[in-house]
Amino acid sequence: MTLTQRIVLEHLDRVAEDVLSLTLRGAHGPLARWKPGAHIDLSLPNWLTRQYSLCGDPADREHYRIAVRHERLSRGGSDYIHRYLKAGRELDISLPRNNFPLVPAREYLFLAGGIGITAVVPMLRAAHERGTPARLVYVGRSTATMPFVEQLRSSYGDSVTIVDTEREQRPDLGLLSAGLGPSAVVYCCGPASMIAAAESVFDPGQLHTERFRPARRTFAPNTAFTAVCARSGREVQVPADESLLDALNHAGLPVPSGCREGVCGSCVLTVLEGEPEHRDEIGADRSQVAACVSRSRSPRLVLDL
């Protein structure tokens, strides 16, 4: 099975201050299907791979759309895209992955902060197409820096609230929570401060979040363990100072990877036996392990590899 797709960068459009929208066209025909909440890995000519939420129309099989903010403290991805990428360039992307799926609900509240709007745009579209009551609260430091503001206002009217924090207070999440029905589902994508605020107000059972960066958490000291690769018959020692991902790669058992922060889900492996110690942000369950950051609580971890 092919895990990558070849695309042509059809055009780049400035949709806000320091934000470019990239339209990607399949180089060899229709692109893979996707659902709201999905993202792709974009492989850049400077050897970097970065993850971006798909923010176009899932019904359009000819094109994907992503938006990229130029980060002043860029690690090389957004800076390269803004400075050097030109229309007509061919690039490789991954198949879409979805760690932030839109679950069925009777009512939605979407909270987006800054470039986090990219994950939310297709969700809001899907909710309105289904006829499900949905409200968006979109927060940014100024409307000039917030992509898709006019598109959202014209498409969804009063169901969209734009909060420009240069001119007004941040939204009162407690007040928003009080106005929700008992079966409402809340989606939040934005900076760590927004997600922390949402987690302090909304019930964990109703709140779905996606982070730009992993949360700051403290774990027990690393211990060594053995990764048993069931299909290949190999056993790989994972020392305390090395990740499972690196140990497998060094042993000649390459595993696809992207963010190396436990956010994107590209290196998730199936666990057949043993107890993984989850350090990821994607909600991997007992039968999975994100090889880039997670480890093992048991001396041996048997993998479907």
C-alpha atoms as a PDB file:
ATOM      1  CA  MET A   1       0.000   0.000   0.000  1.00  0.00           C
ATOM      2  CA  THR A   2       1.365   3.412  -0.965  1.00  0.00           C
ATOM      3  CA  LEU A   3       1.654   5.670   2.084  1.00  0.00           C
ATOM      4  CA  THR A   4       2.478   8.885   0.208  1.00  0.00           C
ATOM      5  CA  GLN A   5       0.837  10.990  -2.465  1.00  0.00           C
ATOM      6  CA  ARG A   6       2.532  13.210  -5.024  1.00  0.00           C
ATOM      7  CA  ILE A   7       1.028  16.677  -5.272  1.00  0.00           C
ATOM      8  CA  VAL A   8       1.572  19.881  -7.221  1.00  0.00           C
ATOM      9  CA  LEU A   9       1.455  23.144  -5.297  1.00  0.00           C
ATOM     10  CA  GLU A  10      -1.216  24.818  -7.409  1.00  0.00           C
ATOM     11  CA  HIS A  11      -1.189  28.206  -5.743  1.00  0.00           C
ATOM     12  CA  LEU A  12      -0.422  30.120  -2.547  1.00  0.00           C
ATOM     13  CA  ASP A  13      -2.725  32.837  -1.226  1.00  0.00           C
ATOM     14  CA  ARG A  14      -2.169  35.224   1.648  1.00  0.00           C
ATOM     15  CA  VAL A  15      -5.294  34.840   3.789  1.00  0.00           C
ATOM     16  CA  ALA A  16      -4.157  36.840   6.828  1.00  0.00           C
ATOM     17  CA  GLU A  17      -1.096  38.590   8.177  1.00  0.00           C
ATOM     18  CA  ASP A  18       1.713  35.987   8.119  1.00  0.00           C
ATOM     19  CA  VAL A  19      -0.651  33.203   6.969  1.00  0.00           C
ATOM     20  CA  LEU A  20      -0.518  31.503   3.567  1.00  0.00           C
ATOM     21  CA  SER A  21      -3.180  29.166   2.232  1.00  0.00           C
ATOM     22  CA  LEU A  22      -1.713  26.397   0.044  1.00  0.00           C
ATOM     23  CA  THR A  23      -3.853  24.624  -2.547  1.00  0.00           C
ATOM     24  CA  LEU A  24      -2.447  21.171  -3.357  1.00  0.00           C
ATOM     25  CA  ARG A  25      -3.508  19.277  -6.488  1.00  0.00           C
ATOM     26  CA  GLY A  26      -2.986  15.562  -7.007  1.00  0.00           C
ATOM     27  CA  ALA A  27      -0.171  15.042  -9.502  1.00  0.00           C
ATOM     28  CA  HIS A  28      -1.535  11.672 -10.651  1.00  0.00           C
ATOM     29  CA  GLY A  29      -5.283  11.906 -10.242  1.00  0.00           C
ATOM     30  CA  PRO A  30      -7.712  12.073  -7.328  1.00  0.00           C
ATOM     31  CA  LEU A  31      -6.351  12.425  -3.813  1.00  0.00           C
ATOM     32  CA  ALA A  32      -7.197  10.120  -0.907  1.00  0.00           C
ATOM     33  CA  ARG A  33     -10.480  10.705   0.885  1.00  0.00           C
ATOM     34  CA  TRP A  34     -10.508  12.428   4.265  1.00  0.00           C
ATOM     35  CA  LYS A  35     -12.885  13.570   6.995  1.00  0.00           C
ATOM     36  CA  PRO A  36     -12.980  16.717   9.151  1.00  0.00           C
ATOM     37  CA  GLY A  37     -10.195  16.751  11.726  1.00  0.00           C
ATOM     38  CA  ALA A  38      -7.650  15.050   9.447  1.00  0.00           C
ATOM     39  CA  HIS A  39      -4.115  16.256   8.828  1.00  0.00           C
ATOM     40  CA  ILE A  40      -1.274  15.409   6.466  1.00  0.00           C
ATOM     41  CA  ASP A  41       2.513  15.319   6.666  1.00  0.00           C
ATOM     42  CA  LEU A  42       4.088  17.673   4.132  1.00  0.00           C
ATOM     43  CA  SER A  43       7.631  16.731   3.059  1.00  0.00           C
ATOM     44  CA  LEU A  44       9.615  19.861   2.220  1.00  0.00           C
ATOM     45  CA  PRO A  45      12.645  20.199  -0.074  1.00  0.00           C
ATOM     46  CA  ASN A  46      14.812  21.188   2.938  1.00  0.00           C
ATOM     47  CA  TRP A  47      14.330  17.638   4.312  1.00  0.00           C
ATOM     48  CA  LEU A  48      11.852  18.702   6.974  1.00  0.00           C
ATOM     49  CA  THR A  49       8.424  17.124   7.440  1.00  0.00           C
ATOM     50  CA  ARG A  50       5.619  19.125   9.020  1.00  0.00           C
ATOM     51  CA  GLN A  51       2.007  18.339   9.909  1.00  0.00           C
ATOM     52  CA  TYR A  52      -0.894  20.537   8.762  1.00  0.00           C
ATOM     53  CA  SER A  53      -4.649  20.223   9.223  1.00  0.00           C
ATOM     54  CA  LEU A  54      -6.719  19.904   6.075  1.00  0.00           C
ATOM     55  CA  CYS A  55      -9.059  22.892   5.878  1.00  0.00           C
ATOM     56  CA  GLY A  56     -10.687  22.515   2.463  1.00  0.00           C
ATOM     57  CA  ASP A  57     -13.744  20.599   1.312  1.00  0.00           C
ATOM     58  CA  PRO A  58     -13.638  16.803   1.845  1.00  0.00           C
ATOM     59  CA  ALA A  59     -15.872  16.409  -1.220  1.00  0.00           C
ATOM     60  CA  ASP A  60     -13.142  17.880  -3.460  1.00  0.00           C
ATOM     61  CA  ARG A  61     -11.004  14.876  -4.459  1.00  0.00           C
ATOM     62  CA  GLU A  62      -8.848  16.984  -6.773  1.00  0.00           C
ATOM     63  CA  HIS A  63      -7.446  19.355  -4.158  1.00  0.00           C
ATOM     64  CA  TYR A  64      -6.351  19.623  -0.542  1.00  0.00           C
ATOM     65  CA  ARG A  65      -6.051  22.938   1.259  1.00  0.00           C
ATOM     66  CA  ILE A  66      -3.824  23.787   4.218  1.00  0.00           C
ATOM     67  CA  ALA A  67      -2.863  27.074   5.872  1.00  0.00           C
ATOM     68  CA  VAL A  68       0.549  27.875   7.348  1.00  0.00           C
ATOM     69  CA  ARG A  69       1.401  30.673   9.772  1.00  0.00           C
ATOM     70  CA  HIS A  70       4.926  32.073   9.514  1.00  0.00           C
ATOM     71  CA  GLU A  71       6.284  31.434  12.998  1.00  0.00           C
ATOM     72  CA  ARG A  72       8.940  33.930  14.043  1.00  0.00           C
ATOM     73  CA  LEU A  73      10.705  31.203  16.018  1.00  0.00           C
ATOM     74  CA  SER A  74      10.259  28.721  13.183  1.00  0.00           C
ATOM     75  CA  ARG A  75      12.173  25.446  13.320  1.00  0.00           C
ATOM     76  CA  GLY A  76      12.515  25.658   9.553  1.00  0.00           C
ATOM     77  CA  GLY A  77       9.145  24.505   8.235  1.00  0.00           C
ATOM     78  CA  SER A  78       6.941  27.589   8.089  1.00  0.00           C
ATOM     79  CA  ASP A  79       9.923  29.807   7.294  1.00  0.00           C
ATOM     80  CA  TYR A  80      10.798  27.696   4.254  1.00  0.00           C
ATOM     81  CA  ILE A  81       7.196  27.632   3.038  1.00  0.00           C
ATOM     82  CA  HIS A  82       6.784  31.400   3.307  1.00  0.00           C
ATOM     83  CA  ARG A  83      10.162  32.298   1.853  1.00  0.00           C
ATOM     84  CA  TYR A  84      10.887  29.723  -0.802  1.00  0.00           C
ATOM     85  CA  LEU A  85       7.949  27.578  -1.916  1.00  0.00           C
ATOM     86  CA  LYS A  86       6.497  28.572  -5.291  1.00  0.00           C
ATOM     87  CA  ALA A  87       3.478  27.477  -7.270  1.00  0.00           C
ATOM     88  CA  GLY A  88       4.178  24.555  -9.595  1.00  0.00           C
ATOM     89  CA  ARG A  89       6.487  22.727  -7.183  1.00  0.00           C
ATOM     90  CA  GLU A  90       5.896  18.990  -6.791  1.00  0.00           C
ATOM     91  CA  LEU A  91       6.007  17.617  -3.242  1.00  0.00           C
ATOM     92  CA  ASP A  92       5.201  14.437  -1.349  1.00  0.00           C
ATOM     93  CA  ILE A  93       2.520  14.282   1.314  1.00  0.00           C
ATOM     94  CA  SER A  94       1.263  11.473   3.517  1.00  0.00           C
ATOM     95  CA  LEU A  95      -2.150   9.917   3.385  1.00  0.00           C
ATOM     96  CA  PRO A  96      -4.536  11.807   5.692  1.00  0.00           C
ATOM     97  CA  ARG A  97      -4.592  10.722   9.341  1.00  0.00           C
ATOM     98  CA  ASN A  98      -7.299  11.691  11.792  1.00  0.00           C
ATOM     99  CA  ASN A  99      -6.579  11.909  15.521  1.00  0.00           C
ATOM    100  CA  PHE A 100      -9.305  14.542  15.978  1.00  0.00           C
ATOM    101  CA  PRO A 101     -12.435  13.041  14.386  1.00  0.00           C
ATOM    102  CA  LEU A 102     -15.818  14.742  14.458  1.00  0.00           C
ATOM    103  CA  VAL A 103     -18.134  12.501  16.476  1.00  0.00           C
ATOM    104  CA  PRO A 104     -21.918  12.564  15.941  1.00  0.00           C
ATOM    105  CA  ALA A 105     -23.702  14.958  18.301  1.00  0.00           C
ATOM    106  CA  ARG A 106     -26.953  16.869  18.708  1.00  0.00           C
ATOM    107  CA  GLU A 107     -25.126  20.162  19.249  1.00  0.00           C
ATOM    108  CA  TYR A 108     -21.571  21.437  18.771  1.00  0.00           C
ATOM    109  CA  LEU A 109     -19.489  24.235  20.231  1.00  0.00           C
ATOM    110  CA  PHE A 110     -16.237  24.858  18.359  1.00  0.00           C
ATOM    111  CA  LEU A 111     -13.452  26.868  20.003  1.00  0.00           C
ATOM    112  CA  ALA A 112     -10.541  27.933  17.778  1.00  0.00           C
ATOM    113  CA  GLY A 113      -7.486  29.975  18.625  1.00  0.00           C
ATOM    114  CA  GLY A 114      -5.319  31.472  15.885  1.00  0.00           C
ATOM    115  CA  ILE A 115      -4.186  28.963  13.269  1.00  0.00           C
ATOM    116  CA  GLY A 116      -6.185  26.301  15.134  1.00  0.00           C
ATOM    117  CA  ILE A 117      -9.090  27.427  12.971  1.00  0.00           C
ATOM    118  CA  THR A 118      -7.760  25.193  10.180  1.00  0.00           C
ATOM    119  CA  ALA A 119      -8.897  22.011  11.917  1.00  0.00           C
ATOM    120  CA  VAL A 120     -12.270  23.511  12.789  1.00  0.00           C
ATOM    121  CA  VAL A 121     -13.377  24.931   9.398  1.00  0.00           C
ATOM    122  CA  PRO A 122     -14.309  21.532   7.872  1.00  0.00           C
ATOM    123  CA  MET A 123     -16.034  20.510  11.110  1.00  0.00           C
ATOM    124  CA  LEU A 124     -18.256  23.574  11.091  1.00  0.00           C
ATOM    125  CA  ARG A 125     -19.095  22.932   7.433  1.00  0.00           C
ATOM    126  CA  ALA A 126     -19.985  19.304   8.171  1.00  0.00           C
ATOM    127  CA  ALA A 127     -22.206  20.254  11.120  1.00  0.00           C
ATOM    128  CA  HIS A 128     -24.152  22.766   9.043  1.00  0.00           C
ATOM    129  CA  GLU A 129     -24.494  20.317   6.146  1.00  0.00           C
ATOM    130  CA  ARG A 130     -26.017  17.811   8.575  1.00  0.00           C
ATOM    131  CA  GLY A 131     -28.351  20.445   9.988  1.00  0.00           C
ATOM    132  CA  THR A 132     -26.818  20.092  13.459  1.00  0.00           C
ATOM    133  CA  PRO A 133     -26.823  23.219  15.654  1.00  0.00           C
ATOM    134  CA  ALA A 134     -23.251  24.476  15.837  1.00  0.00           C
ATOM    135  CA  ARG A 135     -21.532  27.582  17.123  1.00  0.00           C
ATOM    136  CA  LEU A 136     -17.961  28.742  16.549  1.00  0.00           C
ATOM    137  CA  VAL A 137     -16.020  31.049  18.877  1.00  0.00           C
ATOM    138  CA  TYR A 138     -12.830  32.089  17.060  1.00  0.00           C
ATOM    139  CA  VAL A 139     -10.189  33.953  19.061  1.00  0.00           C
ATOM    140  CA  GLY A 140      -7.113  35.789  17.791  1.00  0.00           C
ATOM    141  CA  ARG A 141      -4.885  38.689  18.689  1.00  0.00           C
ATOM    142  CA  SER A 142      -6.409  40.787  15.874  1.00  0.00           C
ATOM    143  CA  THR A 143      -8.687  40.154  12.907  1.00  0.00           C
ATOM    144  CA  ALA A 144      -5.786  40.984  10.584  1.00  0.00           C
ATOM    145  CA  THR A 145      -3.948  37.888  11.827  1.00  0.00           C
ATOM    146  CA  MET A 146      -6.966  35.549  11.693  1.00  0.00           C
ATOM    147  CA  PRO A 147      -7.450  33.553   8.467  1.00  0.00           C
ATOM    148  CA  PHE A 148     -10.897  32.881   6.979  1.00  0.00           C
ATOM    149  CA  VAL A 149     -12.749  35.490   9.070  1.00  0.00           C
ATOM    150  CA  GLU A 150     -14.801  36.913   6.186  1.00  0.00           C
ATOM    151  CA  GLN A 151     -15.447  33.460   4.712  1.00  0.00           C
ATOM    152  CA  LEU A 152     -16.808  32.252   8.049  1.00  0.00           C
ATOM    153  CA  ARG A 153     -18.950  35.328   8.624  1.00  0.00           C
ATOM    154  CA  SER A 154     -20.495  35.180   5.166  1.00  0.00           C
ATOM    155  CA  SER A 155     -21.128  31.428   5.304  1.00  0.00           C
ATOM    156  CA  TYR A 156     -22.410  31.023   8.856  1.00  0.00           C
ATOM    157  CA  GLY A 157     -23.546  34.457  10.031  1.00  0.00           C
ATOM    158  CA  ASP A 158     -24.538  34.761  13.672  1.00  0.00           C
ATOM    159  CA  SER A 159     -23.369  31.255  14.533  1.00  0.00           C
ATOM    160  CA  VAL A 160     -19.782  32.583  14.358  1.00  0.00           C
ATOM    161  CA  THR A 161     -18.320  34.862  17.036  1.00  0.00           C
ATOM    162  CA  ILE A 162     -15.004  36.533  16.219  1.00  0.00           C
ATOM    163  CA  VAL A 163     -13.024  37.655  19.282  1.00  0.00           C
ATOM    164  CA  ASP A 164     -10.240  40.181  18.587  1.00  0.00           C
ATOM    165  CA  THR A 165      -8.273  40.255  21.854  1.00  0.00           C
ATOM    166  CA  GLU A 166      -6.685  43.603  21.010  1.00  0.00           C
ATOM    167  CA  ARG A 167     -10.136  45.142  21.362  1.00  0.00           C
ATOM    168  CA  GLU A 168     -12.162  42.884  23.622  1.00  0.00           C
ATOM    169  CA  GLN A 169     -12.001  40.382  26.456  1.00  0.00           C
ATOM    170  CA  ARG A 170     -11.406  36.710  25.875  1.00  0.00           C
ATOM    171  CA  PRO A 171     -14.637  34.690  25.864  1.00  0.00           C
ATOM    172  CA  ASP A 172     -16.134  33.554  29.160  1.00  0.00           C
ATOM    173  CA  LEU A 173     -16.008  29.780  28.773  1.00  0.00           C
ATOM    174  CA  GLY A 174     -18.123  29.278  31.863  1.00  0.00           C
ATOM    175  CA  LEU A 175     -20.898  31.321  30.295  1.00  0.00           C
ATOM    176  CA  LEU A 176     -20.575  29.348  27.057  1.00  0.00           C
ATOM    177  CA  SER A 177     -20.758  26.093  28.994  1.00  0.00           C
ATOM    178  CA  ALA A 178     -23.901  27.195  30.822  1.00  0.00           C
ATOM    179  CA  GLY A 179     -25.629  27.788  27.488  1.00  0.00           C
ATOM    180  CA  LEU A 180     -25.022  24.291  26.149  1.00  0.00           C
ATOM    181  CA  GLY A 181     -27.503  21.457  26.126  1.00  0.00           C
ATOM    182  CA  PRO A 182     -26.711  18.248  28.063  1.00  0.00           C
ATOM    183  CA  SER A 183     -25.699  16.327  24.928  1.00  0.00           C
ATOM    184  CA  ALA A 184     -23.491  19.039  23.388  1.00  0.00           C
ATOM    185  CA  VAL A 185     -19.966  18.212  22.254  1.00  0.00           C
ATOM    186  CA  VAL A 186     -17.127  20.746  22.442  1.00  0.00           C
ATOM    187  CA  TYR A 187     -14.113  20.864  20.104  1.00  0.00           C
ATOM    188  CA  CYS A 188     -11.114  23.046  20.946  1.00  0.00           C
ATOM    189  CA  CYS A 189      -8.004  23.609  18.820  1.00  0.00           C
ATOM    190  CA  GLY A 190      -5.594  26.369  19.710  1.00  0.00           C
ATOM    191  CA  PRO A 191      -2.675  27.355  21.933  1.00  0.00           C
ATOM    192  CA  ALA A 192      -1.950  25.636  25.230  1.00  0.00           C
ATOM    193  CA  SER A 193      -3.549  28.425  27.274  1.00  0.00           C
ATOM    194  CA  MET A 194      -6.869  28.044  25.438  1.00  0.00           C
ATOM    195  CA  ILE A 195      -6.897  24.276  25.829  1.00  0.00           C
ATOM    196  CA  ALA A 196      -6.037  24.527  29.525  1.00  0.00           C
ATOM    197  CA  ALA A 197      -8.900  26.989  30.024  1.00  0.00           C
ATOM    198  CA  ALA A 198     -11.317  24.673  28.188  1.00  0.00           C
ATOM    199  CA  GLU A 199     -10.189  21.674  30.239  1.00  0.00           C
ATOM    200  CA  SER A 200     -10.876  23.606  33.446  1.00  0.00           C
ATOM    201  CA  VAL A 201     -14.488  24.343  32.413  1.00  0.00           C
ATOM    202  CA  PHE A 202     -15.888  21.563  30.220  1.00  0.00           C
ATOM    203  CA  ASP A 203     -16.550  17.997  31.235  1.00  0.00           C
ATOM    204  CA  PRO A 204     -13.841  15.600  29.962  1.00  0.00           C
ATOM    205  CA  GLY A 205     -16.526  13.445  28.369  1.00  0.00           C
ATOM    206  CA  GLN A 206     -17.759  16.277  26.155  1.00  0.00           C
ATOM    207  CA  LEU A 207     -14.447  17.996  25.309  1.00  0.00           C
ATOM    208  CA  HIS A 208     -12.214  17.040  22.363  1.00  0.00           C
ATOM    209  CA  THR A 209      -8.892  18.855  21.944  1.00  0.00           C
ATOM    210  CA  GLU A 210      -6.001  19.038  19.519  1.00  0.00           C
ATOM    211  CA  ARG A 211      -2.697  20.627  20.493  1.00  0.00           C
ATOM    212  CA  PHE A 212      -0.012  22.380  18.468  1.00  0.00           C
ATOM    213  CA  ARG A 213       2.656  21.130  20.875  1.00  0.00           C
ATOM    214  CA  PRO A 214       2.670  18.434  23.559  1.00  0.00           C
ATOM    215  CA  ALA A 215       1.541  19.470  27.033  1.00  0.00           C
ATOM    216  CA  ARG A 216       4.210  19.903  29.681  1.00  0.00           C
ATOM    217  CA  ARG A 217       4.030  16.804  31.852  1.00  0.00           C
ATOM    218  CA  THR A 218       6.347  14.989  34.239  1.00  0.00           C
ATOM    219  CA  PHE A 219       6.996  11.264  33.854  1.00  0.00           C
ATOM    220  CA  ALA A 220       8.902   8.690  35.866  1.00  0.00           C
ATOM    221  CA  PRO A 221      12.562   8.267  34.853  1.00  0.00           C
ATOM    222  CA  ASN A 222      13.097   6.211  31.714  1.00  0.00           C
ATOM    223  CA  THR A 223      13.910   2.538  32.135  1.00  0.00           C
ATOM    224  CA  ALA A 224      15.269   0.096  29.579  1.00  0.00           C
ATOM    225  CA  PHE A 225      12.983  -2.520  28.046  1.00  0.00           C
ATOM    226  CA  THR A 226      12.890  -5.062  25.217  1.00  0.00           C
ATOM    227  CA  ALA A 227      10.780  -4.543  22.111  1.00  0.00           C
ATOM    228  CA  VAL A 228       9.776  -7.909  20.662  1.00  0.00           C
ATOM    229  CA  CYS A 229       8.822  -7.610  16.994  1.00  0.00           C
ATOM    230  CA  ALA A 230       6.371 -10.455  16.431  1.00  0.00           C
ATOM    231  CA  ARG A 231       6.241 -10.545  12.632  1.00  0.00           C
ATOM    232  CA  SER A 232       9.983 -10.173  12.018  1.00  0.00           C
ATOM    233  CA  GLY A 233      11.030 -12.354  14.966  1.00  0.00           C
ATOM    234  CA  ARG A 234      13.480  -9.692  16.146  1.00  0.00           C
ATOM    235  CA  GLU A 235      14.150  -8.508  19.695  1.00  0.00           C
ATOM    236  CA  VAL A 236      15.423  -4.950  20.106  1.00  0.00           C
ATOM    237  CA  GLN A 237      16.877  -3.567  23.323  1.00  0.00           C
ATOM    238  CA  VAL A 238      15.617  -0.062  24.073  1.00  0.00           C
ATOM    239  CA  PRO A 239      18.023   1.645  26.494  1.00  0.00           C
ATOM    240  CA  ALA A 240      16.832   4.307  28.925  1.00  0.00           C
ATOM    241  CA  ASP A 241      18.446   7.097  26.919  1.00  0.00           C
ATOM    242  CA  GLU A 242      16.937   6.135  23.545  1.00  0.00           C
ATOM    243  CA  SER A 243      13.390   6.245  22.192  1.00  0.00           C
ATOM    244  CA  LEU A 244      11.608   3.151  20.948  1.00  0.00           C
ATOM    245  CA  LEU A 245      11.449   4.800  17.511  1.00  0.00           C
ATOM    246  CA  ASP A 246      15.222   5.361  17.353  1.00  0.00           C
ATOM    247  CA  ALA A 247      16.017   1.906  18.697  1.00  0.00           C
ATOM    248  CA  LEU A 248      13.866   0.261  16.029  1.00  0.00           C
ATOM    249  CA  ASN A 249      15.334   2.432  13.276  1.00  0.00           C
ATOM    250  CA  HIS A 250      18.893   1.682  14.395  1.00  0.00           C
ATOM    251  CA  ALA A 251      18.065  -2.036  14.385  1.00  0.00           C
ATOM    252  CA  GLY A 252      17.014  -1.862  10.738  1.00  0.00           C
ATOM    253  CA  LEU A 253      13.281  -1.860  11.460  1.00  0.00           C
ATOM    254  CA  PRO A 254      12.280   1.560  10.136  1.00  0.00           C
ATOM    255  CA  VAL A 255       9.054   3.102  11.386  1.00  0.00           C
ATOM    256  CA  PRO A 256       7.431   6.094   9.625  1.00  0.00           C
ATOM    257  CA  SER A 257       7.551   9.220  11.777  1.00  0.00           C
ATOM    258  CA  GLY A 258       6.698  12.895  11.569  1.00  0.00           C
ATOM    259  CA  CYS A 259       6.575  15.244  14.542  1.00  0.00           C
ATOM    260  CA  ARG A 260       8.605  13.139  17.034  1.00  0.00           C
ATOM    261  CA  GLU A 261       6.576  14.815  19.781  1.00  0.00           C
ATOM    262  CA  GLY A 262       3.678  12.393  20.163  1.00  0.00           C
ATOM    263  CA  VAL A 263       1.236  14.675  18.390  1.00  0.00           C
ATOM    264  CA  CYS A 264       0.825  13.505  14.788  1.00  0.00           C
ATOM    265  CA  GLY A 265       0.280   9.744  15.178  1.00  0.00           C
ATOM    266  CA  SER A 266       2.475   8.684  12.261  1.00  0.00           C
ATOM    267  CA  CYS A 267       4.627   6.305  14.344  1.00  0.00           C
ATOM    268  CA  VAL A 268       1.840   4.514  16.250  1.00  0.00           C
ATOM    269  CA  LEU A 269       2.417   0.755  16.476  1.00  0.00           C
ATOM    270  CA  THR A 270       0.071  -2.026  17.559  1.00  0.00           C
ATOM    271  CA  VAL A 271       0.900  -3.644  20.919  1.00  0.00           C
ATOM    272  CA  LEU A 272       0.195  -7.381  21.180  1.00  0.00           C
ATOM    273  CA  GLU A 273       1.509  -7.957  24.715  1.00  0.00           C
ATOM    274  CA  GLY A 274       2.895  -5.807  27.514  1.00  0.00           C
ATOM    275  CA  GLU A 275       1.857  -2.494  29.013  1.00  0.00           C
ATOM    276  CA  PRO A 276       2.816   0.684  27.169  1.00  0.00           C
ATOM    277  CA  GLU A 277       3.539   3.889  29.086  1.00  0.00           C
ATOM    278  CA  HIS A 278       1.686   6.529  27.109  1.00  0.00           C
ATOM    279  CA  ARG A 279       3.360   9.916  26.736  1.00  0.00           C
ATOM    280  CA  ASP A 280       1.585  10.983  23.551  1.00  0.00           C
ATOM    281  CA  GLU A 281      -1.147  13.539  22.874  1.00  0.00           C
ATOM    282  CA  ILE A 282      -3.260  11.449  20.499  1.00  0.00           C
ATOM    283  CA  GLY A 283      -5.069   9.287  23.037  1.00  0.00           C
ATOM    284  CA  ALA A 284      -3.422   6.002  22.095  1.00  0.00           C
ATOM    285  CA  ASP A 285      -5.048   3.094  23.948  1.00  0.00           C
ATOM    286  CA  ARG A 286      -3.566   0.024  25.622  1.00  0.00           C
ATOM    287  CA  SER A 287      -3.198  -1.739  22.269  1.00  0.00           C
ATOM    288  CA  GLN A 288      -1.089   1.060  20.762  1.00  0.00           C
ATOM    289  CA  VAL A 289       2.184   2.848  21.384  1.00  0.00           C
ATOM    290  CA  ALA A 290       3.517   6.079  19.852  1.00  0.00           C
ATOM    291  CA  ALA A 291       7.097   4.991  19.241  1.00  0.00           C
ATOM    292  CA  CYS A 292       8.594   8.487  19.266  1.00  0.00           C
ATOM    293  CA  VAL A 293       7.763   9.366  22.886  1.00  0.00           C
ATOM    294  CA  SER A 294       6.027   6.499  24.689  1.00  0.00           C
ATOM    295  CA  ARG A 295       7.783   3.668  26.472  1.00  0.00           C
ATOM    296  CA  SER A 296       6.925   0.429  28.291  1.00  0.00           C
ATOM    297  CA  ARG A 297       5.909  -0.213  31.877  1.00  0.00           C
ATOM    298  CA  SER A 298       6.594  -3.916  31.394  1.00  0.00           C
ATOM    299  CA  PRO A 299      10.069  -5.411  30.749  1.00  0.00           C
ATOM    300  CA  ARG A 300       8.935  -6.638  27.321  1.00  0.00           C
ATOM    301  CA  LEU A 301       6.640  -4.991  24.801  1.00  0.00           C
ATOM    302  CA  VAL A 302       5.468  -7.235  21.963  1.00  0.00           C
ATOM    303  CA  LEU A 303       4.742  -5.273  18.781  1.00  0.00           C
ATOM    304  CA  ASP A 304       2.985  -6.165  15.541  1.00  0.00           C
ATOM    305  CA  LEU A 305       6.136  -5.387  13.547  1.00  0.00           C
END
